[in-house]
């Protein structure tokens, strides 16, 4: 069985909702993006990125499984490439 990655949990970066810039909602270009900040509240995980072609982003995801949410959060460290982060095994 293949290992599960962060991508399997939160999807491809281009599909992430962006609550920072409305014009990038539908077609985000995440090339060059790095993780700026990650935090959790309840069953939600929030990710802020910087440096994407379309601009900085802010996305939230519901991850009900606390252990899974914590593992994803440990991987998403500041300054890590968004694409490197989503490829990481959980």
Protein backbone atom coordinates (compact mmCIF):
# COMPACT_ATOMS: atom_id res chain seq x y z
CA UNK A 1 0.00 0.00 0.00
CA UNK A 2 1.29 3.47 -0.89
CA UNK A 3 2.06 5.91 1.90
CA UNK A 4 -0.41 8.72 2.46
CA UNK A 5 0.82 12.25 1.76
CA UNK A 6 -0.31 15.69 2.88
CA UNK A 7 -1.72 16.10 -0.66
CA UNK A 8 -4.08 13.18 0.03
CA UNK A 9 -5.52 15.08 3.00
CA UNK A 10 -5.74 18.70 1.78
CA UNK A 11 -5.46 18.39 -2.00
CA UNK A 12 -3.33 20.11 -4.61
CA UNK A 13 -2.29 23.68 -3.71
CA UNK A 14 -4.07 25.07 -6.82
CA UNK A 15 -7.36 23.73 -5.44
CA UNK A 16 -7.02 25.32 -2.02
CA UNK A 17 -9.60 27.98 -1.18
CA UNK A 18 -8.02 31.43 -0.93
CA UNK A 19 -9.67 33.79 1.49
CA UNK A 20 -7.05 36.52 1.07
CA UNK A 21 -7.48 37.54 -2.57
CA UNK A 22 -10.83 37.01 -4.22
CA UNK A 23 -9.44 37.24 -7.77
CA UNK A 24 -7.23 34.17 -7.15
CA UNK A 25 -10.10 32.01 -5.88
CA UNK A 26 -10.59 29.97 -9.05
CA UNK A 27 -7.15 29.62 -10.60
CA UNK A 28 -4.33 29.98 -8.13
CA UNK A 29 -0.80 29.75 -9.45
CA UNK A 30 1.15 28.46 -6.47
CA UNK A 31 4.57 28.28 -8.15
CA UNK A 32 7.17 29.71 -5.78
CA UNK A 33 4.87 29.63 -2.76
CA UNK A 34 6.19 28.78 0.68
CA UNK A 35 4.42 28.18 3.96
CA UNK A 36 4.25 31.36 6.03
CA UNK A 37 2.17 30.24 9.00
CA UNK A 38 0.02 27.29 10.07
CA UNK A 39 -2.37 27.05 12.99
CA UNK A 40 -5.27 24.92 14.14
CA UNK A 41 -8.51 25.82 15.87
CA UNK A 42 -11.02 23.14 16.69
CA UNK A 43 -11.22 20.80 13.71
CA UNK A 44 -9.84 23.38 11.28
CA UNK A 45 -6.32 23.84 9.98
CA UNK A 46 -5.35 27.22 8.50
CA UNK A 47 -2.42 27.74 6.14
CA UNK A 48 -1.01 31.10 5.06
CA UNK A 49 1.44 31.13 2.16
CA UNK A 50 3.73 33.76 0.67
CA UNK A 51 5.40 34.16 -2.69
CA UNK A 52 2.85 32.48 -4.97
CA UNK A 53 2.60 33.87 -8.49
CA UNK A 54 -1.01 34.89 -7.75
CA UNK A 55 -0.04 36.46 -4.42
CA UNK A 56 -0.17 35.44 -0.79
CA UNK A 57 -2.91 33.01 0.21
CA UNK A 58 -4.89 32.03 3.28
CA UNK A 59 -6.71 28.69 3.25
CA UNK A 60 -8.62 26.66 5.81
CA UNK A 61 -9.37 22.95 5.88
CA UNK A 62 -11.56 20.80 8.10
CA UNK A 63 -9.63 17.78 9.37
CA UNK A 64 -11.78 16.11 11.99
CA UNK A 65 -9.20 13.50 13.03
CA UNK A 66 -7.04 15.31 15.61
CA UNK A 67 -4.07 12.94 15.24
CA UNK A 68 -4.09 13.41 11.45
CA UNK A 69 -4.48 17.19 11.80
CA UNK A 70 -1.52 17.28 14.21
CA UNK A 71 0.68 15.22 11.85
CA UNK A 72 -0.16 17.49 8.91
CA UNK A 73 0.53 20.56 11.02
CA UNK A 74 3.97 19.25 12.06
CA UNK A 75 4.91 18.87 8.39
CA UNK A 76 3.75 22.33 7.28
CA UNK A 77 6.66 24.36 8.63
CA UNK A 78 7.39 28.02 7.81
CA UNK A 79 9.56 28.60 4.72
CA UNK A 80 8.91 25.08 3.37
CA UNK A 81 7.93 24.97 -0.29
CA UNK A 82 4.20 24.33 -0.67
CA UNK A 83 4.89 21.57 -3.20
CA UNK A 84 7.48 19.94 -0.96
CA UNK A 85 5.00 20.10 1.92
CA UNK A 86 2.12 18.41 0.06
CA UNK A 87 4.46 15.65 -1.17
CA UNK A 88 5.57 14.76 2.36
CA UNK A 89 4.46 11.43 3.74
CA UNK A 90 2.26 11.46 6.80
